[in-house]
Amino acid sequence: MDDLEKTVQNRSTVGKISALICILLCLSIIDAVIAGFRQPARIYDLLPGSSLEINGFIAEKVDSVKDISYTVSSDHISLSIDSIQKGHWFGDNMWQGQVMAGTDAPAGEFALEVGVTGVKKINPPLKFLIKVHKDYSSYRRSFKSFVKQYLDISPWILAASFFSFVLPAFVYIFFLSGKIERLMGEDGKAVVYRVKKNAEGCELSFGLGSTHGVRINTVVYLFNEQGESSGKAVVNYVSDTDSRATAESSCTVMPGYTVTISGRRLE
């Protein structure tokens, strides 16, 4: 196997693996986004002894976290209000804190209501449902992400892992493509990268130029992707590295076809 054939095979292999990783990357992102929509906004799943960040809007004006009060249907559930700030979208006050389940919290569902101290229910308090799971297996089944549920890893972390592979893989494919183009040029071959119909016929562009011995009126030979002859073309423009040629009227040519100067059949 010569260097050109080996390089083409390497690019093909890396390209197929990269395509598969790209599909998995997209699926991971889709899973994460769908999981976000599937997760009810005011339902929180906890294990005994664990905590989660929680937040909500306040219709009334408050000066400090001490103005926020809450009630919960179990002494094993507690809420800690850390800060109050303006909401990102509508400018309303928003509180932020943590909801915690005690280490001896029993499994079950508990109601949490958050409001403003001393304010009657003109604006109803926010209601949350806190679900405490008896063990990690039960907690894991509550995940809305299929990736997290079956692989026990965040789909965003999985997507980041795939992306860290895809980016260098594309750089490597670009490097291999440049090497293939150079090796083909040394052998008097190039791939057609552009085809344009005009009044004279079919004009094609390829990566062979004056440095490869191509001149105006040079006759080049075309082969399809199976290596079968597809006709001839006459060069009408030449730069150092690229050329354009007009194919004969009976010639069929598409991007991806191969141009040769010698006219010998492709192996």
Protein backbone atom coordinates (compact mmCIF):
# COMPACT_ATOMS: atom_id res chain seq x y z
CA MET A 1 0.00 0.00 0.00
CA ASP A 2 1.52 3.33 -1.04
CA ASP A 3 1.53 6.49 1.06
CA LEU A 4 -1.38 8.07 -0.83
CA GLU A 5 -3.67 5.06 -0.45
CA LYS A 6 -2.78 4.73 3.23
CA THR A 7 -3.50 8.42 3.87
CA VAL A 8 -6.86 8.21 2.07
CA GLN A 9 -7.83 5.20 4.18
CA ASN A 10 -6.79 6.97 7.39
CA ARG A 11 -8.87 10.01 6.48
CA SER A 12 -11.85 7.81 5.67
CA THR A 13 -11.57 5.98 9.00
CA VAL A 14 -11.19 9.16 11.06
CA GLY A 15 -14.04 10.76 9.09
CA LYS A 16 -16.42 7.88 9.84
CA ILE A 17 -15.53 7.87 13.53
CA SER A 18 -15.94 11.66 13.66
CA ALA A 19 -19.35 11.42 11.98
CA LEU A 20 -20.47 8.89 14.58
CA ILE A 21 -19.16 11.06 17.43
CA CYS A 22 -20.97 14.09 15.95
CA ILE A 23 -24.23 12.14 15.97
CA LEU A 24 -23.67 11.14 19.60
CA LEU A 25 -22.77 14.75 20.44
CA CYS A 26 -26.05 16.00 18.93
CA LEU A 27 -28.05 13.28 20.70
CA SER A 28 -26.47 14.22 24.04
CA ILE A 29 -27.38 17.89 23.56
CA ILE A 30 -30.92 17.00 22.47
CA ASP A 31 -31.29 14.73 25.51
CA ALA A 32 -30.14 17.54 27.83
CA VAL A 33 -32.50 20.10 26.28
CA ILE A 34 -35.52 17.76 26.29
CA ALA A 35 -34.77 16.77 29.90
CA GLY A 36 -34.88 20.46 30.85
CA PHE A 37 -38.35 20.81 29.33
CA ARG A 38 -39.57 17.55 30.91
CA GLN A 39 -38.47 18.53 34.41
CA PRO A 40 -41.38 20.34 36.18
CA ALA A 41 -40.23 23.74 37.39
CA ARG A 42 -41.36 23.34 40.99
CA ILE A 43 -40.65 19.69 41.69
CA TYR A 44 -37.35 18.83 43.36
CA ASP A 45 -35.95 15.34 43.91
CA LEU A 46 -33.67 14.75 46.88
CA LEU A 47 -31.92 12.02 48.81
CA PRO A 48 -31.74 12.12 52.63
CA GLY A 49 -28.88 14.42 53.63
CA SER A 50 -28.70 16.17 50.25
CA SER A 51 -29.61 19.67 49.03
CA LEU A 52 -30.48 21.46 45.79
CA GLU A 53 -30.45 25.07 44.64
CA ILE A 54 -33.94 26.55 44.44
CA ASN A 55 -35.36 29.95 43.44
CA GLY A 56 -38.63 31.76 42.85
CA PHE A 57 -40.19 35.15 42.06
CA ILE A 58 -41.64 37.55 44.64
CA ALA A 59 -44.53 39.80 43.67
CA GLU A 60 -44.08 42.06 46.74
CA LYS A 61 -41.18 44.41 47.44
CA VAL A 62 -38.80 43.03 50.05
CA ASP A 63 -35.68 44.53 51.64
CA SER A 64 -33.84 41.44 52.89
CA VAL A 65 -33.92 37.67 53.01
CA LYS A 66 -35.49 37.95 56.47
CA ASP A 67 -38.72 39.09 54.79
CA ILE A 68 -39.06 35.70 53.11
CA SER A 69 -40.90 32.98 55.03
CA TYR A 70 -41.85 29.41 54.25
CA THR A 71 -43.91 26.51 55.48
CA VAL A 72 -43.24 22.85 54.80
CA SER A 73 -45.24 19.71 55.55
CA SER A 74 -42.28 17.95 57.20
CA ASP A 75 -39.73 18.94 59.84
CA HIS A 76 -37.16 16.93 57.86
CA ILE A 77 -37.24 19.50 55.01
CA SER A 78 -35.72 22.96 55.42
CA LEU A 79 -35.14 26.00 53.21
CA SER A 80 -32.23 28.44 53.36
CA ILE A 81 -32.67 31.78 51.54
CA ASP A 82 -29.25 33.05 50.41
CA SER A 83 -30.01 36.18 48.37
CA ILE A 84 -32.58 38.37 46.62
CA GLN A 85 -31.96 39.89 43.22
CA LYS A 86 -33.72 41.10 40.10
CA GLY A 87 -34.93 38.40 37.70
CA HIS A 88 -33.13 38.17 34.35
CA TRP A 89 -36.24 38.42 32.12
CA PHE A 90 -38.98 40.49 33.75
CA GLY A 91 -37.12 42.47 36.41
CA ASP A 92 -39.18 41.07 39.32
CA ASN A 93 -37.55 40.28 42.63
CA MET A 94 -36.23 36.74 42.80
CA TRP A 95 -35.04 34.85 45.84
CA GLN A 96 -32.36 32.19 45.67
CA GLY A 97 -31.51 29.53 48.21
CA GLN A 98 -31.18 25.85 48.97
CA VAL A 99 -33.74 23.23 49.94
CA MET A 100 -32.36 20.49 52.16
CA ALA A 101 -33.51 17.06 53.31
CA GLY A 102 -32.33 15.86 56.71
CA THR A 103 -30.19 12.76 56.98
CA ASP A 104 -33.10 10.94 58.65
CA ALA A 105 -35.76 12.26 56.22
CA PRO A 106 -38.26 9.54 55.28
CA ALA A 107 -39.11 8.78 51.66
CA GLY A 108 -42.18 10.66 50.46
CA GLU A 109 -43.56 13.84 48.93
CA PHE A 110 -43.67 17.06 50.91
CA ALA A 111 -45.28 20.44 50.17
CA LEU A 112 -43.19 23.62 50.45
CA GLU A 113 -44.74 27.11 50.31
CA VAL A 114 -42.66 30.28 50.11
CA GLY A 115 -44.08 33.77 50.66
CA VAL A 116 -43.40 37.13 52.32
CA THR A 117 -43.51 37.51 56.10
CA GLY A 118 -46.56 39.39 57.38
CA VAL A 119 -48.28 39.64 53.99
CA LYS A 120 -51.69 38.09 53.67
CA LYS A 121 -52.40 35.93 50.67
CA ILE A 122 -53.18 38.73 48.22
CA ASN A 123 -50.48 37.10 46.10
CA PRO A 124 -50.48 33.35 46.79
CA PRO A 125 -47.18 31.91 48.03
CA LEU A 126 -45.14 29.80 45.62
CA LYS A 127 -45.81 26.10 46.03
CA PHE A 128 -43.12 23.46 45.53
CA LEU A 129 -43.20 19.68 45.76
CA ILE A 130 -40.18 18.07 47.41
CA LYS A 131 -39.73 14.36 46.67
CA VAL A 132 -37.39 12.45 48.97
CA HIS A 133 -36.22 9.07 47.65
CA LYS A 134 -35.33 6.14 49.87
CA ASP A 135 -32.15 5.21 47.95
CA TYR A 136 -29.99 6.23 45.00
CA SER A 137 -31.61 3.69 42.68
CA SER A 138 -35.01 5.30 43.20
CA TYR A 139 -33.47 8.78 42.90
CA ARG A 140 -31.77 7.85 39.61
CA ARG A 141 -35.08 6.76 38.09
CA SER A 142 -36.39 10.29 38.63
CA PHE A 143 -33.86 11.75 36.18
CA LYS A 144 -35.56 13.08 33.04
CA SER A 145 -32.38 12.71 31.00
CA PHE A 146 -32.00 9.23 29.50
CA VAL A 147 -28.22 9.67 29.46
CA LYS A 148 -28.13 10.48 33.16
CA GLN A 149 -30.66 7.80 34.01
CA TYR A 150 -28.85 4.95 32.24
CA LEU A 151 -25.20 6.11 32.30
CA ASP A 152 -25.33 8.15 35.52
CA ILE A 153 -23.53 11.08 33.91
CA SER A 154 -24.74 14.54 32.91
CA PRO A 155 -25.56 14.75 29.19
CA TRP A 156 -23.73 18.10 29.11
CA ILE A 157 -20.55 16.46 30.42
CA LEU A 158 -20.94 13.68 27.85
CA ALA A 159 -21.46 16.25 25.07
CA ALA A 160 -18.34 18.15 26.19
CA SER A 161 -16.37 14.89 26.08
CA PHE A 162 -17.53 14.18 22.53
CA PHE A 163 -16.74 17.75 21.47
CA SER A 164 -13.20 17.47 22.87
CA PHE A 165 -12.67 14.56 20.45
CA VAL A 166 -14.43 16.04 17.42
CA LEU A 167 -12.46 19.30 17.29
CA PRO A 168 -8.95 17.72 17.05
CA ALA A 169 -10.37 15.04 14.72
CA PHE A 170 -11.49 17.73 12.25
CA VAL A 171 -8.05 19.36 12.49
CA TYR A 172 -6.46 15.99 11.75
CA ILE A 173 -8.80 15.40 8.79
CA PHE A 174 -7.85 18.83 7.44
CA PHE A 175 -4.17 17.89 7.77
CA LEU A 176 -4.74 14.56 5.98
CA SER A 177 -6.68 16.29 3.20
CA GLY A 178 -3.77 18.64 2.61
CA LYS A 179 -1.37 15.71 2.54
CA ILE A 180 -3.60 13.84 0.06
CA GLU A 181 -3.78 16.89 -2.19
CA ARG A 182 0.03 17.21 -2.12
CA LEU A 183 0.62 13.51 -2.87
CA MET A 184 -1.91 13.56 -5.70
CA GLY A 185 -0.29 16.69 -7.13
CA GLU A 186 3.11 14.99 -7.14
CA ASP A 187 1.51 12.18 -9.17
CA GLY A 188 -0.24 14.59 -11.60
CA LYS A 189 -3.69 14.08 -10.10
CA ALA A 190 -6.25 16.32 -8.39
CA VAL A 191 -9.87 16.24 -7.24
CA VAL A 192 -12.46 18.43 -8.98
CA TYR A 193 -13.79 20.78 -6.29
CA ARG A 194 -16.10 23.00 -8.38
CA VAL A 195 -18.24 22.47 -11.48
CA LYS A 196 -19.99 25.31 -13.31
CA LYS A 197 -22.19 25.25 -16.39
CA ASN A 198 -21.56 27.97 -18.98
CA ALA A 199 -22.18 28.72 -22.65
CA GLU A 200 -19.10 26.78 -23.76
CA GLY A 201 -20.01 23.70 -21.78
CA CYS A 202 -19.00 22.49 -18.35
CA GLU A 203 -16.20 24.34 -16.54
CA LEU A 204 -14.38 22.55 -13.75
CA SER A 205 -11.81 23.69 -11.18
CA PHE A 206 -9.11 21.50 -9.66
CA GLY A 207 -5.92 21.73 -7.62
CA LEU A 208 -3.22 21.38 -10.26
CA GLY A 209 -1.36 24.47 -11.49
CA SER A 210 1.76 25.67 -13.20
CA THR A 211 3.92 24.20 -10.44
CA HIS A 212 2.59 20.79 -11.50
CA GLY A 213 3.31 21.37 -15.19
CA VAL A 214 -0.17 22.50 -16.26
CA ARG A 215 -0.33 25.14 -19.02
CA ILE A 216 -3.07 26.86 -21.03
CA ASN A 217 -4.57 24.37 -23.54
CA THR A 218 -3.24 21.38 -21.60
CA VAL A 219 -5.58 18.41 -22.05
CA VAL A 220 -6.58 16.75 -18.77
CA TYR A 221 -8.45 13.48 -18.33
CA LEU A 222 -11.43 12.91 -16.07
CA PHE A 223 -12.30 9.82 -14.04
CA ASN A 224 -15.34 9.17 -11.87
CA GLU A 225 -15.21 7.95 -8.27
CA GLN A 226 -15.01 4.34 -9.48
CA GLY A 227 -11.88 5.14 -11.51
CA GLU A 228 -13.69 4.87 -14.87
CA SER A 229 -12.90 7.33 -17.67
CA SER A 230 -15.40 10.18 -17.95
CA GLY A 231 -13.90 12.24 -20.79
CA LYS A 232 -11.44 15.07 -21.35
CA ALA A 233 -11.19 18.80 -20.70
CA VAL A 234 -8.99 21.63 -22.00
CA VAL A 235 -7.35 24.04 -19.54
CA ASN A 236 -8.26 27.70 -20.05
CA TYR A 237 -6.87 29.25 -16.85
CA VAL A 238 -3.80 28.40 -14.75
CA SER A 239 -2.44 29.73 -11.45
CA ASP A 240 0.47 28.37 -9.45
CA THR A 241 -1.67 25.80 -7.65
CA ASP A 242 -5.08 25.68 -9.38
CA SER A 243 -6.58 25.50 -12.86
CA ARG A 244 -9.88 25.73 -14.68
CA ALA A 245 -10.77 23.66 -17.72
CA THR A 246 -13.73 23.29 -20.06
CA ALA A 247 -14.96 19.74 -20.55
CA GLU A 248 -16.05 18.40 -23.93
CA SER A 249 -19.80 18.53 -24.53
CA SER A 250 -20.30 14.78 -24.08
CA CYS A 251 -18.37 14.73 -20.81
CA THR A 252 -20.14 14.18 -17.49
CA VAL A 253 -18.30 15.64 -14.52
CA MET A 254 -19.18 16.25 -10.87
CA PRO A 255 -17.32 17.53 -7.80
CA GLY A 256 -15.29 14.64 -6.41
CA TYR A 257 -14.18 13.35 -9.82
CA THR A 258 -10.43 13.03 -10.40
CA VAL A 259 -8.34 14.92 -12.97
CA THR A 260 -5.07 13.51 -14.32
CA ILE A 261 -2.50 14.94 -16.68
CA SER A 262 -1.30 11.58 -17.99
CA GLY A 263 -4.65 10.06 -18.89
CA ARG A 264 -3.76 6.65 -17.44
CA ARG A 265 -6.53 4.72 -15.73
CA LEU A 266 -6.82 5.24 -11.98
CA GLU A 267 -5.91 2.24 -9.83
